[in-house]
Amino acid sequence: MPALTVQALFLVSVLAGTGALIAAIAIARCHWRLDVAPYRETYAFSVLRHPASYVTPDWVRSVRTRALVGMCLMALAVGCLSYQLVVDLGAQ
């Protein structure tokens, strides 16, 4: 695979993954459960891992889907870096 393709895939996956994670957190903040402590007292990673504990039931699936897509895209970016590392070290 050409290096330019790997770089483009990395850039697109990082940007799209970041956007999906930010969207998940934004939706979680907009639809926060009233019986839970305020958002500023919790960790964002905890909200993304367990949205049912923090978000109203109608929006849990939306937050969970965006968080899963964002994490998968970030994993793809790490895979691109790993692939490029193996290719570069094999060329020496």
PDB file of N, CA and C in Angstrom:
ATOM      1  N   MET A   1       0.846  -1.169   0.000  1.00  0.00           N
ATOM      2  CA  MET A   1       0.000   0.000   0.000  1.00  0.00           C
ATOM      3  C   MET A   1       0.897   1.240   0.000  1.00  0.00           C
ATOM      4  N   PRO A   2       0.641   2.186  -0.866  1.00  0.00           N
ATOM      5  CA  PRO A   2       1.476   3.394  -0.912  1.00  0.00           C
ATOM      6  C   PRO A   2       1.410   4.194   0.398  1.00  0.00           C
ATOM      7  N   ALA A   3       2.505   4.839   0.712  1.00  0.00           N
ATOM      8  CA  ALA A   3       2.599   5.593   1.965  1.00  0.00           C
ATOM      9  C   ALA A   3       1.568   6.721   2.015  1.00  0.00           C
ATOM     10  N   LEU A   4       1.306   7.342   0.869  1.00  0.00           N
ATOM     11  CA  LEU A   4       0.339   8.438   0.842  1.00  0.00           C
ATOM     12  C   LEU A   4      -1.066   7.946   1.204  1.00  0.00           C
ATOM     13  N   THR A   5      -1.412   6.745   0.774  1.00  0.00           N
ATOM     14  CA  THR A   5      -2.712   6.169   1.100  1.00  0.00           C
ATOM     15  C   THR A   5      -2.824   5.901   2.599  1.00  0.00           C
ATOM     16  N   VAL A   6      -1.753   5.379   3.179  1.00  0.00           N
ATOM     17  CA  VAL A   6      -1.755   5.109   4.625  1.00  0.00           C
ATOM     18  C   VAL A   6      -1.864   6.415   5.403  1.00  0.00           C
ATOM     19  N   GLN A   7      -1.173   7.434   4.954  1.00  0.00           N
ATOM     20  CA  GLN A   7      -1.233   8.728   5.640  1.00  0.00           C
ATOM     21  C   GLN A   7      -2.635   9.334   5.541  1.00  0.00           C
ATOM     22  N   ALA A   8      -3.241   9.225   4.369  1.00  0.00           N
ATOM     23  CA  ALA A   8      -4.594   9.756   4.189  1.00  0.00           C
ATOM     24  C   ALA A   8      -5.596   8.985   5.045  1.00  0.00           C
ATOM     25  N   LEU A   9      -5.465   7.668   5.091  1.00  0.00           N
ATOM     26  CA  LEU A   9      -6.354   6.852   5.915  1.00  0.00           C
ATOM     27  C   LEU A   9      -6.184   7.192   7.391  1.00  0.00           C
ATOM     28  N   PHE A  10      -4.938   7.392   7.806  1.00  0.00           N
ATOM     29  CA  PHE A  10      -4.668   7.781   9.190  1.00  0.00           C
ATOM     30  C   PHE A  10      -5.323   9.114   9.520  1.00  0.00           C
ATOM     31  N   LEU A  11      -5.125  10.102   8.665  1.00  0.00           N
ATOM     32  CA  LEU A  11      -5.667  11.431   8.920  1.00  0.00           C
ATOM     33  C   LEU A  11      -7.192  11.423   8.961  1.00  0.00           C
ATOM     34  N   VAL A  12      -7.811  10.744   8.010  1.00  0.00           N
ATOM     35  CA  VAL A  12      -9.274  10.684   7.972  1.00  0.00           C
ATOM     36  C   VAL A  12      -9.818   9.956   9.196  1.00  0.00           C
ATOM     37  N   SER A  13      -9.178   8.850   9.575  1.00  0.00           N
ATOM     38  CA  SER A  13      -9.684   8.095  10.725  1.00  0.00           C
ATOM     39  C   SER A  13      -9.498   8.857  12.034  1.00  0.00           C
ATOM     40  N   VAL A  14      -8.400   9.586  12.189  1.00  0.00           N
ATOM     41  CA  VAL A  14      -8.206  10.375  13.410  1.00  0.00           C
ATOM     42  C   VAL A  14      -9.231  11.507  13.481  1.00  0.00           C
ATOM     43  N   LEU A  15      -9.429  12.217  12.395  1.00  0.00           N
ATOM     44  CA  LEU A  15     -10.378  13.331  12.406  1.00  0.00           C
ATOM     45  C   LEU A  15     -11.819  12.850  12.602  1.00  0.00           C
ATOM     46  N   ALA A  16     -12.194  11.793  11.889  1.00  0.00           N
ATOM     47  CA  ALA A  16     -13.558  11.278  12.026  1.00  0.00           C
ATOM     48  C   ALA A  16     -13.772  10.658  13.408  1.00  0.00           C
ATOM     49  N   GLY A  17     -12.774   9.960  13.922  1.00  0.00           N
ATOM     50  CA  GLY A  17     -12.885   9.368  15.254  1.00  0.00           C
ATOM     51  C   GLY A  17     -13.012  10.418  16.330  1.00  0.00           C
ATOM     52  N   THR A  18     -12.222  11.471  16.228  1.00  0.00           N
ATOM     53  CA  THR A  18     -12.316  12.567  17.189  1.00  0.00           C
ATOM     54  C   THR A  18     -13.689  13.237  17.108  1.00  0.00           C
ATOM     55  N   GLY A  19     -14.162  13.440  15.899  1.00  0.00           N
ATOM     56  CA  GLY A  19     -15.490  14.035  15.729  1.00  0.00           C
ATOM     57  C   GLY A  19     -16.597  13.182  16.324  1.00  0.00           C
ATOM     58  N   ALA A  20     -16.506  11.869  16.137  1.00  0.00           N
ATOM     59  CA  ALA A  20     -17.524  10.974  16.692  1.00  0.00           C
ATOM     60  C   ALA A  20     -17.490  10.972  18.220  1.00  0.00           C
ATOM     61  N   LEU A  21     -16.291  10.976  18.805  1.00  0.00           N
ATOM     62  CA  LEU A  21     -16.184  10.994  20.264  1.00  0.00           C
ATOM     63  C   LEU A  21     -16.686  12.312  20.849  1.00  0.00           C
ATOM     64  N   ILE A  22     -16.358  13.415  20.192  1.00  0.00           N
ATOM     65  CA  ILE A  22     -16.843  14.720  20.656  1.00  0.00           C
ATOM     66  C   ILE A  22     -18.359  14.799  20.534  1.00  0.00           C
ATOM     67  N   ALA A  23     -18.911  14.244  19.449  1.00  0.00           N
ATOM     68  CA  ALA A  23     -20.370  14.235  19.284  1.00  0.00           C
ATOM     69  C   ALA A  23     -21.037  13.400  20.373  1.00  0.00           C
ATOM     70  N   ALA A  24     -20.441  12.280  20.731  1.00  0.00           N
ATOM     71  CA  ALA A  24     -21.002  11.438  21.795  1.00  0.00           C
ATOM     72  C   ALA A  24     -21.016  12.184  23.129  1.00  0.00           C
ATOM     73  N   ILE A  25     -19.930  12.878  23.436  1.00  0.00           N
ATOM     74  CA  ILE A  25     -19.871  13.625  24.686  1.00  0.00           C
ATOM     75  C   ILE A  25     -20.855  14.797  24.669  1.00  0.00           C
ATOM     76  N   ALA A  26     -20.986  15.456  23.517  1.00  0.00           N
ATOM     77  CA  ALA A  26     -21.926  16.577  23.412  1.00  0.00           C
ATOM     78  C   ALA A  26     -23.367  16.107  23.609  1.00  0.00           C
ATOM     79  N   ILE A  27     -23.713  14.977  23.001  1.00  0.00           N
ATOM     80  CA  ILE A  27     -25.069  14.444  23.168  1.00  0.00           C
ATOM     81  C   ILE A  27     -25.295  14.040  24.623  1.00  0.00           C
ATOM     82  N   ALA A  28     -24.270  13.445  25.228  1.00  0.00           N
ATOM     83  CA  ALA A  28     -24.392  13.048  26.635  1.00  0.00           C
ATOM     84  C   ALA A  28     -24.619  14.271  27.525  1.00  0.00           C
ATOM     85  N   ARG A  29     -23.914  15.334  27.250  1.00  0.00           N
ATOM     86  CA  ARG A  29     -24.093  16.546  28.066  1.00  0.00           C
ATOM     87  C   ARG A  29     -25.469  17.165  27.874  1.00  0.00           C
ATOM     88  N   CYS A  30     -25.978  17.107  26.663  1.00  0.00           N
ATOM     89  CA  CYS A  30     -27.299  17.699  26.399  1.00  0.00           C
ATOM     90  C   CYS A  30     -28.433  16.884  27.014  1.00  0.00           C
ATOM     91  N   HIS A  31     -28.217  15.591  27.191  1.00  0.00           N
ATOM     92  CA  HIS A  31     -29.285  14.709  27.679  1.00  0.00           C
ATOM     93  C   HIS A  31     -28.858  14.011  28.969  1.00  0.00           C
ATOM     94  N   TRP A  32     -28.309  14.778  29.881  1.00  0.00           N
ATOM     95  CA  TRP A  32     -27.825  14.264  31.159  1.00  0.00           C
ATOM     96  C   TRP A  32     -29.004  13.911  32.061  1.00  0.00           C
ATOM     97  N   ARG A  33     -28.888  12.805  32.786  1.00  0.00           N
ATOM     98  CA  ARG A  33     -29.932  12.413  33.739  1.00  0.00           C
ATOM     99  C   ARG A  33     -29.938  13.367  34.931  1.00  0.00           C
ATOM    100  N   LEU A  34     -31.107  13.687  35.403  1.00  0.00           N
ATOM    101  CA  LEU A  34     -31.239  14.649  36.497  1.00  0.00           C
ATOM    102  C   LEU A  34     -30.853  14.058  37.851  1.00  0.00           C
ATOM    103  N   ASP A  35     -30.909  12.739  37.978  1.00  0.00           N
ATOM    104  CA  ASP A  35     -30.598  12.111  39.254  1.00  0.00           C
ATOM    105  C   ASP A  35     -29.118  11.790  39.435  1.00  0.00           C
ATOM    106  N   VAL A  36     -28.272  12.233  38.505  1.00  0.00           N
ATOM    107  CA  VAL A  36     -26.828  11.975  38.544  1.00  0.00           C
ATOM    108  C   VAL A  36     -26.118  13.295  38.820  1.00  0.00           C
ATOM    109  N   ALA A  37     -24.952  13.203  39.453  1.00  0.00           N
ATOM    110  CA  ALA A  37     -24.156  14.398  39.739  1.00  0.00           C
ATOM    111  C   ALA A  37     -23.858  15.156  38.440  1.00  0.00           C
ATOM    112  N   PRO A  38     -23.594  16.454  38.532  1.00  0.00           N
ATOM    113  CA  PRO A  38     -23.322  17.253  37.334  1.00  0.00           C
ATOM    114  C   PRO A  38     -22.158  16.716  36.494  1.00  0.00           C
ATOM    115  N   TYR A  39     -22.192  17.086  35.220  1.00  0.00           N
ATOM    116  CA  TYR A  39     -21.216  16.572  34.256  1.00  0.00           C
ATOM    117  C   TYR A  39     -19.777  16.887  34.660  1.00  0.00           C
ATOM    118  N   ARG A  40     -19.541  18.060  35.198  1.00  0.00           N
ATOM    119  CA  ARG A  40     -18.165  18.464  35.492  1.00  0.00           C
ATOM    120  C   ARG A  40     -17.512  17.622  36.580  1.00  0.00           C
ATOM    121  N   GLU A  41     -18.294  16.829  37.288  1.00  0.00           N
ATOM    122  CA  GLU A  41     -17.759  15.985  38.356  1.00  0.00           C
ATOM    123  C   GLU A  41     -17.487  14.549  37.907  1.00  0.00           C
ATOM    124  N   THR A  42     -17.621  14.267  36.608  1.00  0.00           N
ATOM    125  CA  THR A  42     -17.390  12.916  36.103  1.00  0.00           C
ATOM    126  C   THR A  42     -16.323  12.949  35.012  1.00  0.00           C
ATOM    127  N   TYR A  43     -15.750  11.781  34.742  1.00  0.00           N
ATOM    128  CA  TYR A  43     -14.748  11.663  33.692  1.00  0.00           C
ATOM    129  C   TYR A  43     -15.424  11.375  32.354  1.00  0.00           C
ATOM    130  N   ALA A  44     -14.925  11.979  31.289  1.00  0.00           N
ATOM    131  CA  ALA A  44     -15.507  11.772  29.961  1.00  0.00           C
ATOM    132  C   ALA A  44     -15.395  10.310  29.539  1.00  0.00           C
ATOM    133  N   PHE A  45     -14.282   9.663  29.869  1.00  0.00           N
ATOM    134  CA  PHE A  45     -14.105   8.258  29.502  1.00  0.00           C
ATOM    135  C   PHE A  45     -15.159   7.382  30.177  1.00  0.00           C
ATOM    136  N   SER A  46     -15.494   7.713  31.402  1.00  0.00           N
ATOM    137  CA  SER A  46     -16.526   6.962  32.122  1.00  0.00           C
ATOM    138  C   SER A  46     -17.888   7.137  31.454  1.00  0.00           C
ATOM    139  N   VAL A  47     -18.175   8.324  30.999  1.00  0.00           N
ATOM    140  CA  VAL A  47     -19.441   8.584  30.311  1.00  0.00           C
ATOM    141  C   VAL A  47     -19.504   7.809  29.000  1.00  0.00           C
ATOM    142  N   LEU A  48     -18.394   7.730  28.273  1.00  0.00           N
ATOM    143  CA  LEU A  48     -18.379   7.011  27.003  1.00  0.00           C
ATOM    144  C   LEU A  48     -18.463   5.503  27.202  1.00  0.00           C
ATOM    145  N   ARG A  49     -17.903   4.992  28.278  1.00  0.00           N
ATOM    146  CA  ARG A  49     -17.938   3.543  28.525  1.00  0.00           C
ATOM    147  C   ARG A  49     -19.275   3.077  29.077  1.00  0.00           C
ATOM    148  N   HIS A  50     -19.913   3.887  29.915  1.00  0.00           N
ATOM    149  CA  HIS A  50     -21.166   3.496  30.557  1.00  0.00           C
ATOM    150  C   HIS A  50     -22.218   4.587  30.393  1.00  0.00           C
ATOM    151  N   PRO A  51     -22.677   4.822  29.177  1.00  0.00           N
ATOM    152  CA  PRO A  51     -23.623   5.927  28.980  1.00  0.00           C
ATOM    153  C   PRO A  51     -24.968   5.712  29.674  1.00  0.00           C
ATOM    154  N   ALA A  52     -25.357   4.470  29.916  1.00  0.00           N
ATOM    155  CA  ALA A  52     -26.654   4.222  30.559  1.00  0.00           C
ATOM    156  C   ALA A  52     -26.693   4.763  31.988  1.00  0.00           C
ATOM    157  N   SER A  53     -25.532   4.913  32.597  1.00  0.00           N
ATOM    158  CA  SER A  53     -25.488   5.437  33.961  1.00  0.00           C
ATOM    159  C   SER A  53     -25.638   6.948  34.010  1.00  0.00           C
ATOM    160  N   TYR A  54     -25.429   7.631  32.901  1.00  0.00           N
ATOM    161  CA  TYR A  54     -25.386   9.095  32.913  1.00  0.00           C
ATOM    162  C   TYR A  54     -26.410   9.757  31.992  1.00  0.00           C
ATOM    163  N   VAL A  55     -26.825   9.086  30.935  1.00  0.00           N
ATOM    164  CA  VAL A  55     -27.659   9.703  29.899  1.00  0.00           C
ATOM    165  C   VAL A  55     -29.095   9.189  30.029  1.00  0.00           C
ATOM    166  N   THR A  56     -30.048  10.021  29.638  1.00  0.00           N
ATOM    167  CA  THR A  56     -31.446   9.580  29.664  1.00  0.00           C
ATOM    168  C   THR A  56     -31.627   8.378  28.742  1.00  0.00           C
ATOM    169  N   PRO A  57     -32.552   7.486  29.080  1.00  0.00           N
ATOM    170  CA  PRO A  57     -32.691   6.227  28.320  1.00  0.00           C
ATOM    171  C   PRO A  57     -32.936   6.392  26.826  1.00  0.00           C
ATOM    172  N   ASP A  58     -33.584   7.456  26.425  1.00  0.00           N
ATOM    173  CA  ASP A  58     -33.866   7.647  24.997  1.00  0.00           C
ATOM    174  C   ASP A  58     -32.600   7.888  24.172  1.00  0.00           C
ATOM    175  N   TRP A  59     -31.539   8.374  24.787  1.00  0.00           N
ATOM    176  CA  TRP A  59     -30.341   8.767  24.059  1.00  0.00           C
ATOM    177  C   TRP A  59     -29.145   7.850  24.291  1.00  0.00           C
ATOM    178  N   VAL A  60     -29.313   6.797  25.074  1.00  0.00           N
ATOM    179  CA  VAL A  60     -28.189   5.902  25.378  1.00  0.00           C
ATOM    180  C   VAL A  60     -27.641   5.254  24.114  1.00  0.00           C
ATOM    181  N   ARG A  61     -28.520   4.765  23.259  1.00  0.00           N
ATOM    182  CA  ARG A  61     -28.078   4.083  22.041  1.00  0.00           C
ATOM    183  C   ARG A  61     -27.285   5.025  21.129  1.00  0.00           C
ATOM    184  N   SER A  62     -27.725   6.258  21.024  1.00  0.00           N
ATOM    185  CA  SER A  62     -27.030   7.231  20.186  1.00  0.00           C
ATOM    186  C   SER A  62     -25.621   7.502  20.707  1.00  0.00           C
ATOM    187  N   VAL A  63     -25.504   7.710  22.009  1.00  0.00           N
ATOM    188  CA  VAL A  63     -24.186   7.967  22.601  1.00  0.00           C
ATOM    189  C   VAL A  63     -23.298   6.739  22.457  1.00  0.00           C
ATOM    190  N   ARG A  64     -23.855   5.564  22.743  1.00  0.00           N
ATOM    191  CA  ARG A  64     -23.078   4.328  22.671  1.00  0.00           C
ATOM    192  C   ARG A  64     -22.588   4.055  21.237  1.00  0.00           C
ATOM    193  N   THR A  65     -23.434   4.289  20.255  1.00  0.00           N
ATOM    194  CA  THR A  65     -23.051   4.056  18.855  1.00  0.00           C
ATOM    195  C   THR A  65     -21.932   4.997  18.430  1.00  0.00           C
ATOM    196  N   ARG A  66     -22.065   6.278  18.744  1.00  0.00           N
ATOM    197  CA  ARG A  66     -21.023   7.236  18.372  1.00  0.00           C
ATOM    198  C   ARG A  66     -19.711   6.957  19.094  1.00  0.00           C
ATOM    199  N   ALA A  67     -19.786   6.551  20.345  1.00  0.00           N
ATOM    200  CA  ALA A  67     -18.571   6.229  21.087  1.00  0.00           C
ATOM    201  C   ALA A  67     -17.884   4.998  20.487  1.00  0.00           C
ATOM    202  N   LEU A  68     -18.663   3.989  20.119  1.00  0.00           N
ATOM    203  CA  LEU A  68     -18.085   2.782  19.521  1.00  0.00           C
ATOM    204  C   LEU A  68     -17.450   3.080  18.167  1.00  0.00           C
ATOM    205  N   VAL A  69     -18.126   3.860  17.352  1.00  0.00           N
ATOM    206  CA  VAL A  69     -17.574   4.235  16.041  1.00  0.00           C
ATOM    207  C   VAL A  69     -16.301   5.054  16.220  1.00  0.00           C
ATOM    208  N   GLY A  70     -16.312   5.995  17.150  1.00  0.00           N
ATOM    209  CA  GLY A  70     -15.126   6.812  17.402  1.00  0.00           C
ATOM    210  C   GLY A  70     -13.937   5.985  17.874  1.00  0.00           C
ATOM    211  N   MET A  71     -14.194   5.040  18.771  1.00  0.00           N
ATOM    212  CA  MET A  71     -13.100   4.200  19.266  1.00  0.00           C
ATOM    213  C   MET A  71     -12.568   3.270  18.176  1.00  0.00           C
ATOM    214  N   CYS A  72     -13.454   2.754  17.334  1.00  0.00           N
ATOM    215  CA  CYS A  72     -13.010   1.905  16.218  1.00  0.00           C
ATOM    216  C   CYS A  72     -12.170   2.701  15.219  1.00  0.00           C
ATOM    217  N   LEU A  73     -12.563   3.925  14.956  1.00  0.00           N
ATOM    218  CA  LEU A  73     -11.774   4.753  14.042  1.00  0.00           C
ATOM    219  C   LEU A  73     -10.411   5.100  14.637  1.00  0.00           C
ATOM    220  N   MET A  74     -10.355   5.318  15.932  1.00  0.00           N
ATOM    221  CA  MET A  74      -9.061   5.562  16.582  1.00  0.00           C
ATOM    222  C   MET A  74      -8.187   4.305  16.535  1.00  0.00           C
ATOM    223  N   ALA A  75      -8.805   3.147  16.688  1.00  0.00           N
ATOM    224  CA  ALA A  75      -8.051   1.891  16.577  1.00  0.00           C
ATOM    225  C   ALA A  75      -7.524   1.713  15.156  1.00  0.00           C
ATOM    226  N   LEU A  76      -8.306   2.116  14.162  1.00  0.00           N
ATOM    227  CA  LEU A  76      -7.839   2.061  12.780  1.00  0.00           C
ATOM    228  C   LEU A  76      -6.638   2.980  12.585  1.00  0.00           C
ATOM    229  N   ALA A  77      -6.655   4.144  13.207  1.00  0.00           N
ATOM    230  CA  ALA A  77      -5.520   5.068  13.114  1.00  0.00           C
ATOM    231  C   ALA A  77      -4.270   4.458  13.733  1.00  0.00           C
ATOM    232  N   VAL A  78      -4.417   3.793  14.860  1.00  0.00           N
ATOM    233  CA  VAL A  78      -3.277   3.117  15.492  1.00  0.00           C
ATOM    234  C   VAL A  78      -2.785   1.985  14.591  1.00  0.00           C
ATOM    235  N   GLY A  79      -3.709   1.290  13.948  1.00  0.00           N
ATOM    236  CA  GLY A  79      -3.321   0.245  12.997  1.00  0.00           C
ATOM    237  C   GLY A  79      -2.541   0.804  11.818  1.00  0.00           C
ATOM    238  N   CYS A  80      -2.927   1.964  11.331  1.00  0.00           N
ATOM    239  CA  CYS A  80      -2.184   2.615  10.237  1.00  0.00           C
ATOM    240  C   CYS A  80      -0.765   2.955  10.680  1.00  0.00           C
ATOM    241  N   LEU A  81      -0.640   3.478  11.901  1.00  0.00           N
ATOM    242  CA  LEU A  81       0.695   3.789  12.421  1.00  0.00           C
ATOM    243  C   LEU A  81       1.538   2.526  12.558  1.00  0.00           C
ATOM    244  N   SER A  82       0.936   1.472  13.055  1.00  0.00           N
ATOM    245  CA  SER A  82       1.660   0.210  13.216  1.00  0.00           C
ATOM    246  C   SER A  82       2.100  -0.348  11.871  1.00  0.00           C
ATOM    247  N   TYR A  83       1.210  -0.306  10.901  1.00  0.00           N
ATOM    248  CA  TYR A  83       1.544  -0.789   9.565  1.00  0.00           C
ATOM    249  C   TYR A  83       2.710   0.004   8.974  1.00  0.00           C
ATOM    250  N   GLN A  84       2.640   1.311   9.087  1.00  0.00           N
ATOM    251  CA  GLN A  84       3.709   2.148   8.538  1.00  0.00           C
ATOM    252  C   GLN A  84       5.029   1.909   9.264  1.00  0.00           C
ATOM    253  N   LEU A  85       4.973   1.669  10.553  1.00  0.00           N
ATOM    254  CA  LEU A  85       6.185   1.358  11.327  1.00  0.00           C
ATOM    255  C   LEU A  85       6.819   0.055  10.843  1.00  0.00           C
ATOM    256  N   VAL A  86       6.002  -0.966  10.638  1.00  0.00           N
ATOM    257  CA  VAL A  86       6.520  -2.255  10.152  1.00  0.00           C
ATOM    258  C   VAL A  86       7.115  -2.105   8.755  1.00  0.00           C
ATOM    259  N   VAL A  87       6.438  -1.363   7.904  1.00  0.00           N
ATOM    260  CA  VAL A  87       6.945  -1.164   6.528  1.00  0.00           C
ATOM    261  C   VAL A  87       8.242  -0.389   6.553  1.00  0.00           C
ATOM    262  N   ASP A  88       8.331   0.660   7.359  1.00  0.00           N
ATOM    263  CA  ASP A  88       9.542   1.469   7.419  1.00  0.00           C
ATOM    264  C   ASP A  88      10.710   0.706   8.013  1.00  0.00           C
ATOM    265  N   LEU A  89      10.451  -0.087   9.046  1.00  0.00           N
ATOM    266  CA  LEU A  89      11.537  -0.871   9.643  1.00  0.00           C
ATOM    267  C   LEU A  89      11.968  -2.012   8.737  1.00  0.00           C
ATOM    268  N   GLY A  90      11.047  -2.548   7.946  1.00  0.00           N
ATOM    269  CA  GLY A  90      11.395  -3.609   7.003  1.00  0.00           C
ATOM    270  C   GLY A  90      12.184  -3.107   5.820  1.00  0.00           C
ATOM    271  N   ALA A  91      12.093  -1.820   5.507  1.00  0.00           N
ATOM    272  CA  ALA A  91      12.804  -1.258   4.369  1.00  0.00           C
ATOM    273  C   ALA A  91      14.266  -0.983   4.686  1.00  0.00           C
ATOM    274  N   GLN A  92      14.635  -0.974   5.953  1.00  0.00           N
ATOM    275  CA  GLN A  92      16.015  -0.656   6.320  1.00  0.00           C
ATOM    276  C   GLN A  92      16.922  -1.843   6.201  1.00  0.00           C
TER     277      GLN A  92
END
